[in-house]
N, C-alpha and C. Protein backbone atom coordinates (compact mmCIF):
# COMPACT_ATOMS: atom_id res chain seq x y z
N LEU A 1 -3.98 6.79 3.68
CA LEU A 1 -4.90 7.76 2.91
C LEU A 1 -4.46 8.17 2.38
N VAL A 2 -2.63 8.54 2.98
CA VAL A 2 -2.05 9.24 1.82
C VAL A 2 -1.82 8.57 0.68
N ARG A 3 -1.11 6.77 0.87
CA ARG A 3 -0.98 6.40 -0.47
C ARG A 3 -1.69 6.61 -1.01
N ASN A 4 -2.90 6.30 -0.81
CA ASN A 4 -4.71 6.27 -1.70
C ASN A 4 -5.07 7.38 -2.61
N LEU A 5 -4.59 8.68 -1.54
CA LEU A 5 -4.60 10.57 -2.11
C LEU A 5 -3.68 10.38 -3.60
N SER A 6 -2.03 10.00 -3.40
CA SER A 6 -1.80 9.36 -4.30
C SER A 6 -2.18 8.45 -5.47
N THR A 7 -2.82 8.39 -5.31
CA THR A 7 -3.65 6.89 -6.29
C THR A 7 -4.73 7.08 -7.02
N VAL A 8 -5.51 7.22 -5.99
CA VAL A 8 -6.80 7.89 -7.14
C VAL A 8 -7.41 8.88 -7.09
N GLY A 9 -6.70 9.80 -6.36
CA GLY A 9 -7.48 11.40 -6.10
C GLY A 9 -8.40 11.35 -4.55
N LEU A 10 -8.74 13.11 -4.90
CA LEU A 10 -9.88 13.22 -3.91
C LEU A 10 -10.58 12.55 -3.90
N ARG A 11 -11.28 12.84 -5.28
CA ARG A 11 -12.81 11.97 -5.25
C ARG A 11 -12.57 10.49 -5.73
N GLY A 12 -11.62 9.83 -6.04
CA GLY A 12 -11.11 8.55 -5.39
C GLY A 12 -11.49 7.83 -4.44
N THR A 13 -10.83 8.66 -3.40
CA THR A 13 -11.02 8.03 -2.16
C THR A 13 -11.88 9.03 -1.13
N ILE A 14 -13.19 9.56 -1.62
CA ILE A 14 -14.34 9.99 -1.80
C ILE A 14 -14.84 8.80 -2.01
N MET A 15 -14.44 7.97 -3.07
CA MET A 15 -16.11 7.71 -2.89
C MET A 15 -15.61 5.76 -2.51
N ARG A 16 -14.17 5.76 -2.47
CA ARG A 16 -14.05 4.70 -1.73
C ARG A 16 -14.79 4.75 -0.09
N MET A 17 -13.77 5.44 0.31
CA MET A 17 -14.49 5.76 1.96
C MET A 17 -15.75 5.64 1.82
N GLN A 18 -17.34 5.86 1.53
CA GLN A 18 -18.06 6.04 1.18
C GLN A 18 -19.07 4.49 0.10
N PHE A 19 -17.93 3.61 0.01
CA PHE A 19 -18.79 3.11 -0.82
C PHE A 19 -18.34 1.63 -0.90
N GLY A 20 -17.06 1.72 -1.18
CA GLY A 20 -15.86 0.54 -1.16
C GLY A 20 -14.83 0.90 -0.05
N GLY A 21 -13.83 -0.19 -0.22
CA GLY A 21 -12.87 -0.75 0.65
C GLY A 21 -13.47 -1.84 2.00
N HIS A 22 -14.82 -2.00 2.14
CA HIS A 22 -15.33 -2.87 2.97
C HIS A 22 -16.08 -4.13 2.44
N ASP A 23 -15.97 -3.82 1.32
CA ASP A 23 -15.83 -5.34 1.13
C ASP A 23 -14.93 -6.13 1.94
N VAL A 24 -16.09 -8.09 1.81
CA VAL A 24 -15.07 -9.17 1.96
C VAL A 24 -14.28 -9.53 1.41
N ALA A 25 -12.68 -9.46 1.89
CA ALA A 25 -12.08 -10.35 -0.14
C ALA A 25 -12.52 -12.20 -0.15
N PRO A 26 -12.31 -11.22 -1.71
CA PRO A 26 -13.12 -12.59 -1.93
C PRO A 26 -11.77 -14.40 -1.64
N GLU A 27 -12.80 -15.18 -1.01
CA GLU A 27 -12.13 -17.04 -1.08
C GLU A 27 -11.25 -17.07 -2.33
N ALA A 28 -9.86 -17.41 -2.46
CA ALA A 28 -9.03 -18.07 -2.92
C ALA A 28 -9.83 -19.11 -4.35
N PRO A 29 -9.16 -18.91 -5.45
CA PRO A 29 -9.85 -20.18 -6.16
C PRO A 29 -9.79 -21.67 -6.06
N VAL A 30 -10.12 -23.01 -6.02
CA VAL A 30 -10.35 -23.62 -6.37
C VAL A 30 -8.59 -24.19 -7.38
N THR A 31 -8.05 -24.35 -7.31
CA THR A 31 -6.54 -24.94 -8.46
C THR A 31 -6.63 -26.27 -9.14
N ASP A 32 -7.98 -26.81 -9.03
CA ASP A 32 -7.86 -29.11 -8.06
C ASP A 32 -7.64 -28.77 -10.01
N ASN A 33 -8.70 -28.27 -10.50
CA ASN A 33 -9.30 -28.07 -12.31
C ASN A 33 -7.95 -27.90 -12.75
N VAL A 34 -7.01 -26.41 -12.69
CA VAL A 34 -5.92 -26.52 -12.89
C VAL A 34 -4.76 -27.55 -14.33
N VAL A 35 -4.70 -27.64 -15.19
CA VAL A 35 -4.47 -28.69 -16.24
C VAL A 35 -3.14 -28.36 -16.95
N PRO A 36 -2.47 -28.95 -16.38
CA PRO A 36 -0.56 -28.30 -17.01
C PRO A 36 -0.46 -28.83 -18.67
N ALA A 37 0.35 -27.31 -19.10
CA ALA A 37 -0.45 -26.92 -20.86
C ALA A 37 -0.06 -28.44 -20.89
N GLU A 38 1.54 -29.08 -20.70
CA GLU A 38 1.57 -30.95 -21.36
C GLU A 38 0.33 -31.56 -21.41
N ALA A 39 -1.21 -31.39 -21.10
CA ALA A 39 -2.08 -32.09 -21.26
C ALA A 39 -2.77 -31.24 -22.02
N PRO A 40 -2.51 -31.58 -23.95
CA PRO A 40 -3.53 -30.59 -24.68
C PRO A 40 -4.65 -31.84 -25.24
N ASN A 41 -5.58 -32.01 -23.87
CA ASN A 41 -6.70 -32.47 -24.24
C ASN A 41 -7.40 -31.30 -24.20
N PRO A 42 -8.34 -31.02 -25.75
CA PRO A 42 -9.21 -30.32 -25.80
C PRO A 42 -10.82 -30.99 -26.13
N PRO A 43 -11.04 -29.77 -24.86
CA PRO A 43 -12.51 -30.00 -24.81
C PRO A 43 -13.48 -30.28 -26.32
N VAL A 44 -14.69 -31.69 -26.10
CA VAL A 44 -15.15 -31.58 -27.28
C VAL A 44 -16.25 -30.74 -28.05
N SER A 45 -16.50 -30.02 -26.58
CA SER A 45 -16.93 -28.99 -27.01
C SER A 45 -17.20 -27.71 -26.19
N VAL A 46 -17.64 -26.55 -26.99
CA VAL A 46 -17.72 -25.50 -25.08
C VAL A 46 -18.60 -24.87 -25.39
N HIS A 47 -19.57 -23.72 -23.99
CA HIS A 47 -20.23 -23.15 -23.69
C HIS A 47 -20.61 -22.64 -25.33
N TRP A 48 -21.93 -22.17 -25.62
CA TRP A 48 -22.05 -21.75 -26.81
C TRP A 48 -23.51 -21.67 -26.93
N SER A 49 -23.92 -19.88 -27.02
CA SER A 49 -25.77 -18.92 -27.28
C SER A 49 -25.60 -18.70 -27.92
N ALA A 50 -26.74 -19.40 -28.97
CA ALA A 50 -27.19 -17.81 -30.04
C ALA A 50 -27.79 -16.27 -29.98
N GLN A 51 -28.29 -16.09 -27.93
CA GLN A 51 -27.94 -15.28 -28.24
C GLN A 51 -27.22 -15.26 -27.36
N PRO A 52 -25.10 -14.65 -26.82
CA PRO A 52 -24.81 -14.31 -26.10
C PRO A 52 -24.47 -13.05 -25.28
N LYS A 53 -24.52 -13.30 -24.42
CA LYS A 53 -24.28 -11.84 -23.49
C LYS A 53 -23.06 -11.64 -23.50
N VAL A 54 -22.03 -12.85 -23.67
CA VAL A 54 -20.80 -11.99 -23.16
C VAL A 54 -19.02 -13.04 -24.69
N THR A 55 -18.79 -12.56 -25.29
CA THR A 55 -18.26 -13.53 -25.94
C THR A 55 -16.78 -13.38 -25.16
N VAL A 56 -16.57 -13.92 -25.42
CA VAL A 56 -14.57 -15.29 -25.02
C VAL A 56 -13.36 -15.01 -26.15
N ILE A 57 -13.03 -13.66 -26.59
CA ILE A 57 -12.33 -14.38 -27.83
C ILE A 57 -11.44 -14.39 -27.48
N ILE A 58 -10.27 -15.36 -27.52
CA ILE A 58 -8.70 -15.69 -27.31
C ILE A 58 -7.98 -16.31 -29.35
N PRO A 59 -6.92 -14.48 -28.70
CA PRO A 59 -5.77 -14.46 -29.40
C PRO A 59 -4.77 -16.04 -29.16
N ALA A 60 -5.01 -16.34 -30.54
CA ALA A 60 -3.39 -18.05 -30.14
C ALA A 60 -2.63 -17.35 -31.95
N PHE A 61 -1.09 -18.23 -30.78
CA PHE A 61 -0.38 -18.29 -32.57
C PHE A 61 0.71 -19.24 -31.30
N ASN A 62 -0.04 -20.63 -32.27
CA ASN A 62 1.09 -21.66 -32.25
C ASN A 62 0.36 -22.23 -30.57
N GLN A 63 1.09 -22.98 -29.79
CA GLN A 63 1.16 -23.02 -28.20
C GLN A 63 -0.63 -23.60 -28.36
N TRP A 64 -0.42 -25.02 -28.87
CA TRP A 64 -2.04 -25.54 -29.28
C TRP A 64 -1.88 -26.16 -27.64
N SER A 65 -1.26 -26.76 -26.91
CA SER A 65 -1.29 -27.47 -25.27
C SER A 65 -1.60 -26.13 -24.15
N TYR A 66 -1.73 -24.82 -24.58
CA TYR A 66 -1.96 -24.06 -23.89
C TYR A 66 -4.06 -23.54 -24.48
N THR A 67 -3.77 -23.74 -25.70
CA THR A 67 -4.98 -23.10 -26.29
C THR A 67 -5.94 -24.60 -25.49
N ALA A 68 -5.65 -25.64 -26.35
CA ALA A 68 -6.30 -26.90 -25.79
C ALA A 68 -7.01 -26.97 -24.36
N ALA A 69 -5.61 -26.84 -23.11
CA ALA A 69 -5.79 -26.01 -21.52
C ALA A 69 -7.63 -25.50 -21.37
N CYS A 70 -6.60 -23.78 -21.76
CA CYS A 70 -7.32 -23.04 -21.91
C CYS A 70 -9.42 -23.61 -22.43
N LEU A 71 -8.83 -24.07 -23.38
CA LEU A 71 -10.53 -24.36 -23.46
C LEU A 71 -11.44 -25.22 -23.39
N ARG A 72 -10.78 -26.51 -22.58
CA ARG A 72 -11.02 -27.26 -21.28
C ARG A 72 -11.50 -26.81 -20.52
N SER A 73 -10.71 -26.09 -19.97
CA SER A 73 -11.54 -25.38 -18.40
C SER A 73 -12.81 -24.43 -18.54
N ILE A 74 -12.53 -24.14 -19.96
CA ILE A 74 -13.31 -22.85 -19.96
C ILE A 74 -15.23 -24.00 -20.35
N SER A 75 -15.54 -25.15 -20.72
CA SER A 75 -16.17 -25.98 -20.94
C SER A 75 -16.22 -26.65 -19.78
N GLU A 76 -14.88 -26.62 -18.63
CA GLU A 76 -15.64 -27.59 -17.33
C GLU A 76 -16.14 -26.63 -16.73
N ALA A 77 -15.19 -24.97 -16.55
CA ALA A 77 -16.08 -24.80 -15.55
C ALA A 77 -17.36 -23.88 -15.58
N ARG A 78 -18.00 -24.27 -13.88
CA ARG A 78 -19.43 -23.81 -14.15
C ARG A 78 -19.51 -22.30 -14.28
N CYS A 79 -20.68 -21.71 -15.28
CA CYS A 79 -21.01 -20.57 -15.32
C CYS A 79 -22.34 -20.28 -15.65
N ASN A 80 -22.98 -19.39 -15.74
CA ASN A 80 -24.33 -19.45 -15.57
C ASN A 80 -24.43 -18.40 -16.98
N GLN A 81 -23.62 -17.39 -17.21
CA GLN A 81 -23.65 -16.66 -18.58
C GLN A 81 -24.60 -16.90 -19.56
N ARG A 82 -24.61 -16.85 -20.08
CA ARG A 82 -24.82 -17.42 -21.90
C ARG A 82 -23.83 -16.73 -22.71
N LEU A 83 -22.72 -17.81 -23.77
CA LEU A 83 -21.74 -16.94 -24.11
C LEU A 83 -21.05 -17.47 -25.38
N GLU A 84 -20.51 -16.75 -25.52
CA GLU A 84 -20.08 -17.89 -27.43
C GLU A 84 -17.76 -17.54 -27.36
N VAL A 85 -17.09 -18.35 -27.67
CA VAL A 85 -15.76 -18.06 -27.20
C VAL A 85 -15.49 -18.64 -28.92
N ILE A 86 -14.48 -17.48 -28.70
CA ILE A 86 -13.40 -17.71 -30.40
C ILE A 86 -11.97 -17.35 -30.37
N VAL A 87 -11.77 -18.46 -31.39
CA VAL A 87 -10.00 -18.19 -31.31
C VAL A 87 -10.28 -18.26 -32.45
N VAL A 88 -9.49 -16.54 -32.78
CA VAL A 88 -8.15 -16.02 -33.47
C VAL A 88 -7.12 -16.53 -33.60
N ASP A 89 -7.04 -17.03 -35.05
CA ASP A 89 -5.87 -18.09 -35.24
C ASP A 89 -4.54 -17.02 -35.82
N ASP A 90 -3.64 -16.53 -34.90
CA ASP A 90 -2.71 -15.62 -35.80
C ASP A 90 -1.64 -16.23 -36.67
N GLN A 91 -1.80 -17.19 -37.63
CA GLN A 91 -1.58 -17.97 -38.58
C GLN A 91 -0.43 -19.54 -38.01
N SER A 92 -1.25 -19.91 -37.07
CA SER A 92 -0.07 -21.16 -35.95
C SER A 92 0.42 -22.10 -37.42
N SER A 93 1.16 -22.68 -37.58
CA SER A 93 1.73 -24.17 -37.64
C SER A 93 2.00 -24.77 -37.10
N ASP A 94 1.26 -24.84 -36.37
CA ASP A 94 1.03 -26.33 -35.75
C ASP A 94 -0.26 -26.95 -35.84
N GLU A 95 -0.61 -27.83 -34.32
CA GLU A 95 -2.26 -27.97 -35.08
C GLU A 95 -3.03 -28.00 -34.67
N THR A 96 -2.71 -26.40 -34.18
CA THR A 96 -4.04 -25.21 -33.99
C THR A 96 -5.87 -25.88 -35.03
N GLY A 97 -5.04 -25.16 -35.44
CA GLY A 97 -6.37 -24.99 -36.43
C GLY A 97 -7.59 -26.41 -37.11
N ASP A 98 -6.24 -27.79 -36.82
CA ASP A 98 -6.71 -28.84 -37.56
C ASP A 98 -7.82 -29.27 -36.34
N GLU A 99 -7.05 -28.74 -34.95
CA GLU A 99 -7.69 -29.02 -33.31
C GLU A 99 -8.33 -28.17 -33.62
N ALA A 100 -8.48 -27.31 -33.44
CA ALA A 100 -9.30 -26.08 -33.24
C ALA A 100 -11.58 -26.14 -34.00
N GLU A 101 -10.67 -26.60 -35.10
CA GLU A 101 -12.17 -26.27 -35.67
C GLU A 101 -13.33 -27.90 -35.49
N LYS A 102 -12.27 -28.41 -34.91
CA LYS A 102 -12.73 -29.89 -34.20
C LYS A 102 -13.95 -29.66 -33.23
N ILE A 103 -13.80 -28.80 -32.82
CA ILE A 103 -14.68 -28.59 -31.17
C ILE A 103 -15.44 -27.97 -31.29
N VAL A 104 -17.18 -28.50 -30.86
CA VAL A 104 -18.21 -28.16 -31.66
C VAL A 104 -18.47 -26.56 -30.31
N GLY A 105 -18.96 -25.93 -31.31
CA GLY A 105 -19.69 -24.41 -30.19
C GLY A 105 -18.79 -23.29 -30.05
N LEU A 106 -17.17 -23.42 -31.40
CA LEU A 106 -16.19 -22.71 -30.27
C LEU A 106 -16.62 -21.88 -31.75
N LYS A 107 -16.32 -20.86 -32.05
CA LYS A 107 -15.94 -19.84 -33.54
C LYS A 107 -14.83 -19.86 -33.84
N TYR A 108 -14.00 -20.63 -34.61
CA TYR A 108 -12.96 -20.56 -34.83
C TYR A 108 -12.64 -19.24 -36.28
N LEU A 109 -10.96 -18.49 -36.17
CA LEU A 109 -10.62 -18.04 -37.08
C LEU A 109 -9.80 -17.58 -37.42
N ARG A 110 -9.06 -18.52 -38.36
CA ARG A 110 -8.04 -18.46 -38.96
C ARG A 110 -7.12 -16.64 -39.93
N ASN A 111 -6.62 -15.98 -39.20
CA ASN A 111 -6.00 -14.81 -40.46
C ASN A 111 -5.54 -14.99 -41.28
N GLU A 112 -5.38 -14.02 -42.56
CA GLU A 112 -4.93 -15.05 -43.74
C GLU A 112 -3.11 -14.33 -43.36
N GLU A 113 -3.27 -13.58 -42.32
CA GLU A 113 -1.34 -13.30 -42.17
C GLU A 113 -1.06 -12.98 -40.45
N ASN A 114 -0.44 -12.92 -40.21
CA ASN A 114 -0.11 -12.88 -38.65
C ASN A 114 -0.54 -11.74 -38.63
N LEU A 115 -1.18 -10.99 -37.81
CA LEU A 115 -1.37 -9.44 -37.66
C LEU A 115 -0.70 -9.21 -36.47
N GLY A 116 -0.68 -10.08 -35.32
CA GLY A 116 0.00 -9.77 -34.27
C GLY A 116 -1.36 -10.14 -32.71
N PHE A 117 -0.84 -9.52 -31.72
CA PHE A 117 -2.23 -9.31 -30.52
C PHE A 117 -3.08 -8.61 -30.85
N ILE A 118 -3.27 -7.41 -31.00
CA ILE A 118 -3.81 -6.26 -30.82
C ILE A 118 -5.04 -6.91 -31.94
N ARG A 119 -3.94 -6.75 -33.43
CA ARG A 119 -4.76 -6.67 -34.91
C ARG A 119 -5.99 -8.85 -34.27
N SER A 120 -5.57 -8.89 -34.14
CA SER A 120 -6.41 -9.89 -33.47
C SER A 120 -7.66 -10.67 -32.74
N CYS A 121 -6.97 -10.13 -31.91
CA CYS A 121 -8.29 -8.92 -30.82
C CYS A 121 -9.53 -8.77 -31.89
N ASN A 122 -8.45 -7.42 -32.73
CA ASN A 122 -10.09 -6.65 -33.19
C ASN A 122 -11.10 -7.92 -34.22
N ARG A 123 -9.89 -8.27 -34.89
CA ARG A 123 -10.28 -9.71 -35.88
C ARG A 123 -11.23 -9.69 -34.64
N GLY A 124 -11.11 -10.59 -33.80
CA GLY A 124 -12.43 -11.53 -32.88
C GLY A 124 -13.30 -10.56 -32.85
N LEU A 125 -13.40 -9.45 -32.21
CA LEU A 125 -13.78 -8.10 -31.75
C LEU A 125 -15.15 -8.15 -32.80
N GLU A 126 -15.08 -8.06 -34.30
CA GLU A 126 -15.45 -8.54 -35.34
C GLU A 126 -16.88 -9.32 -36.08
N GLU A 127 -16.20 -9.94 -35.29
CA GLU A 127 -17.54 -11.42 -35.27
C GLU A 127 -18.11 -11.43 -34.41
N ALA A 128 -17.58 -10.95 -32.85
CA ALA A 128 -18.15 -10.62 -32.05
C ALA A 128 -19.86 -10.90 -31.66
N GLN A 129 -20.46 -11.55 -31.02
CA GLN A 129 -22.06 -11.44 -30.75
C GLN A 129 -22.47 -11.41 -29.18
N GLY A 130 -21.65 -10.63 -28.82
CA GLY A 130 -22.07 -10.79 -27.05
C GLY A 130 -21.51 -8.86 -26.67
N GLU A 131 -23.14 -8.79 -25.39
CA GLU A 131 -22.66 -7.87 -25.01
C GLU A 131 -21.93 -7.08 -25.02
N TYR A 132 -20.86 -8.39 -24.13
CA TYR A 132 -19.53 -7.66 -23.35
C TYR A 132 -19.10 -8.89 -24.04
N ILE A 133 -17.19 -7.94 -24.27
CA ILE A 133 -16.36 -8.89 -24.45
C ILE A 133 -14.81 -9.74 -23.32
N VAL A 134 -14.59 -11.02 -23.57
CA VAL A 134 -13.39 -11.42 -23.11
C VAL A 134 -12.65 -11.24 -23.78
N LEU A 135 -11.60 -10.68 -23.30
CA LEU A 135 -9.69 -11.04 -23.84
C LEU A 135 -9.40 -12.10 -23.11
N LEU A 136 -9.08 -13.55 -23.32
CA LEU A 136 -9.10 -13.99 -22.67
C LEU A 136 -6.81 -14.76 -23.33
N ASN A 137 -6.04 -14.50 -22.83
CA ASN A 137 -5.43 -14.91 -23.06
C ASN A 137 -5.18 -16.62 -23.03
N ASN A 138 -4.56 -16.95 -24.20
CA ASN A 138 -4.62 -18.75 -24.32
C ASN A 138 -3.96 -19.47 -23.40
N ASP A 139 -3.65 -18.78 -22.55
CA ASP A 139 -1.84 -19.88 -21.94
C ASP A 139 -3.15 -19.56 -20.24
N THR A 140 -4.15 -18.84 -20.22
CA THR A 140 -5.46 -18.89 -19.24
C THR A 140 -5.67 -20.47 -18.71
N ARG A 141 -6.61 -19.92 -17.57
CA ARG A 141 -7.18 -21.37 -17.10
C ARG A 141 -8.31 -20.44 -15.88
N VAL A 142 -9.83 -20.71 -16.63
CA VAL A 142 -10.28 -20.40 -16.14
C VAL A 142 -10.92 -21.14 -15.40
N THR A 143 -11.15 -21.08 -13.76
CA THR A 143 -11.76 -21.71 -12.68
C THR A 143 -13.55 -21.24 -12.15
N ASP A 144 -14.38 -22.25 -11.59
CA ASP A 144 -16.04 -22.34 -11.09
C ASP A 144 -16.15 -20.92 -10.90
N GLY A 145 -17.42 -21.14 -11.40
CA GLY A 145 -17.36 -19.46 -11.55
C GLY A 145 -16.92 -18.27 -12.00
N TRP A 146 -16.27 -18.13 -12.15
CA TRP A 146 -15.42 -16.97 -12.92
C TRP A 146 -15.48 -16.00 -13.79
N LEU A 147 -16.60 -16.65 -15.31
CA LEU A 147 -16.87 -15.02 -15.41
C LEU A 147 -18.32 -14.36 -14.53
N ASP A 148 -19.07 -15.89 -13.93
CA ASP A 148 -20.23 -15.22 -13.10
C ASP A 148 -19.97 -13.32 -12.61
N LYS A 149 -18.54 -13.83 -11.26
CA LYS A 149 -17.82 -13.30 -10.71
C LYS A 149 -17.78 -11.53 -11.37
N LEU A 150 -17.06 -12.16 -12.57
CA LEU A 150 -16.95 -10.92 -13.04
C LEU A 150 -17.81 -9.87 -13.54
N MET A 151 -18.74 -10.41 -14.03
CA MET A 151 -19.72 -10.24 -15.05
C MET A 151 -20.73 -9.42 -13.72
N ASP A 152 -20.86 -9.44 -12.28
CA ASP A 152 -21.24 -8.66 -11.24
C ASP A 152 -20.83 -7.35 -10.61
N THR A 153 -19.36 -7.59 -11.44
CA THR A 153 -19.14 -6.23 -11.47
C THR A 153 -20.18 -5.52 -12.32
N PHE A 154 -20.26 -5.69 -13.08
CA PHE A 154 -21.37 -4.47 -14.31
C PHE A 154 -22.23 -4.23 -13.48
N THR A 155 -22.37 -5.47 -12.07
CA THR A 155 -24.27 -5.61 -11.60
C THR A 155 -23.57 -4.59 -10.44
N ARG A 156 -23.02 -4.27 -9.44
CA ARG A 156 -23.30 -4.08 -8.74
C ARG A 156 -22.40 -2.61 -8.29
N TYR A 157 -21.84 -2.61 -10.07
CA TYR A 157 -21.50 -1.30 -10.06
C TYR A 157 -21.29 -0.74 -11.74
N PRO A 158 -22.79 0.20 -11.64
CA PRO A 158 -23.47 0.23 -13.26
C PRO A 158 -22.60 1.40 -14.13
N ASP A 159 -22.02 2.24 -13.49
CA ASP A 159 -21.07 2.97 -14.48
C ASP A 159 -20.01 1.96 -14.90
N THR A 160 -19.26 1.10 -14.86
CA THR A 160 -18.36 -0.21 -14.69
C THR A 160 -18.56 0.34 -15.96
N GLY A 161 -16.97 0.90 -17.08
CA GLY A 161 -17.06 0.42 -18.11
C GLY A 161 -15.99 -1.01 -19.08
N LEU A 162 -14.93 -1.25 -17.77
CA LEU A 162 -13.87 -2.23 -18.15
C LEU A 162 -13.71 -3.08 -17.20
N ALA A 163 -13.10 -4.41 -16.14
CA ALA A 163 -13.74 -4.93 -15.36
C ALA A 163 -12.00 -5.81 -15.85
N GLY A 164 -11.29 -5.92 -14.23
CA GLY A 164 -10.53 -6.59 -14.97
C GLY A 164 -10.38 -8.03 -13.25
N SER A 165 -9.74 -9.50 -14.62
CA SER A 165 -10.12 -10.45 -13.10
C SER A 165 -9.32 -10.88 -12.28
N ARG A 166 -8.88 -11.31 -11.69
CA ARG A 166 -7.21 -11.32 -10.51
C ARG A 166 -7.35 -12.96 -10.94
N LEU A 167 -5.70 -12.28 -10.93
CA LEU A 167 -4.82 -13.58 -11.78
C LEU A 167 -4.24 -14.03 -11.03
N VAL A 168 -4.49 -14.90 -10.93
CA VAL A 168 -3.68 -16.50 -9.81
C VAL A 168 -2.73 -18.07 -10.25
N TYR A 169 -2.00 -17.69 -10.31
CA TYR A 169 -0.80 -18.81 -9.93
C TYR A 169 -1.90 -20.16 -9.50
N PRO A 170 -1.52 -20.94 -10.80
CA PRO A 170 -1.62 -22.43 -10.64
C PRO A 170 -1.60 -22.54 -8.59
N ASP A 171 -0.34 -22.35 -8.04
CA ASP A 171 -0.09 -23.16 -6.64
C ASP A 171 -1.21 -21.76 -6.07
N GLY A 172 -2.02 -20.98 -6.66
CA GLY A 172 -3.05 -20.10 -5.80
C GLY A 172 -2.85 -18.76 -5.11
N THR A 173 -0.57 -18.60 -5.31
CA THR A 173 -0.90 -17.10 -4.75
C THR A 173 -1.31 -16.12 -6.36
N LEU A 174 -1.60 -15.64 -5.46
CA LEU A 174 -2.67 -13.96 -6.00
C LEU A 174 -0.93 -13.10 -7.73
N GLN A 175 -1.51 -13.37 -8.20
CA GLN A 175 -0.15 -13.08 -9.62
C GLN A 175 -0.44 -10.84 -9.17
N GLU A 176 -2.06 -11.20 -9.47
CA GLU A 176 -3.04 -9.38 -10.06
C GLU A 176 -3.84 -9.44 -9.69
N CYS A 177 -4.23 -8.60 -8.64
CA CYS A 177 -5.66 -8.16 -8.09
C CYS A 177 -6.46 -7.00 -8.59
N GLY A 178 -7.60 -6.93 -10.07
CA GLY A 178 -7.63 -5.31 -9.65
C GLY A 178 -6.56 -4.47 -10.74
N GLY A 179 -6.74 -3.76 -11.60
CA GLY A 179 -5.91 -1.71 -11.97
C GLY A 179 -6.55 -0.81 -11.63
N MET A 180 -6.01 0.03 -12.28
CA MET A 180 -6.83 1.46 -12.19
C MET A 180 -6.15 2.36 -13.72
N ILE A 181 -6.67 2.77 -13.74
CA ILE A 181 -6.84 4.23 -15.08
C ILE A 181 -6.77 5.65 -14.43
N PHE A 182 -5.89 6.29 -14.06
CA PHE A 182 -5.22 7.51 -14.29
C PHE A 182 -5.87 8.53 -15.34
N GLU A 183 -6.65 9.65 -15.13
CA GLU A 183 -6.63 10.26 -15.48
C GLU A 183 -5.72 11.16 -16.83
N ASP A 184 -4.67 10.74 -17.02
CA ASP A 184 -3.80 11.04 -17.45
C ASP A 184 -3.18 10.25 -18.82
N GLY A 185 -4.25 8.80 -18.62
CA GLY A 185 -3.86 7.99 -19.24
C GLY A 185 -3.49 6.66 -18.83
N SER A 186 -2.30 6.71 -17.78
CA SER A 186 -1.87 5.85 -17.43
C SER A 186 -2.78 4.74 -16.11
N GLY A 187 -1.70 3.09 -16.47
CA GLY A 187 -2.54 3.19 -15.63
C GLY A 187 -1.76 1.82 -14.38
N TRP A 188 -1.86 1.38 -13.32
CA TRP A 188 -1.68 1.07 -12.31
C TRP A 188 -2.11 -0.63 -11.85
N ASN A 189 -0.89 -1.22 -12.01
CA ASN A 189 -1.72 -2.82 -11.19
C ASN A 189 -1.88 -2.85 -9.88
């Protein structure tokens, strides 16, 4: 209780006691479909909708093997959301551009100059058509139901403005699970 008070304050503690804190922990994801970055076989196509509910933006700078494995995991993971996937290439000098342009359904943007991570994300946002935005690092591998679980947060908690995914290492151990933003703007994972 003391730790909870110090991290989320009195109001947050009361809210947790009334409405939360009793949820059953989700099952650990199956990591059988995690592909090593050394295997850069990109998918032929990615999920795509003319009217996406969710836009997934993946900034990339070189490291095509990571981006290819990330896109393959998105294309293979079961997902019930209408989505579009945008890769923003931040002036890669490897095969990223040539290979990404071959993927059916992928929106590929190449920056005219190296903009860095944040401005590349913003460039993707300018082109996004989804109601919800997911920013995804190119070294991420998603698993079945990943986006459905994330979107369920907004259904269960309608006042949610921002949600983060649970991050799990390839061996199944937890890397990070959620975060909090405090009134002073500081955050904690």
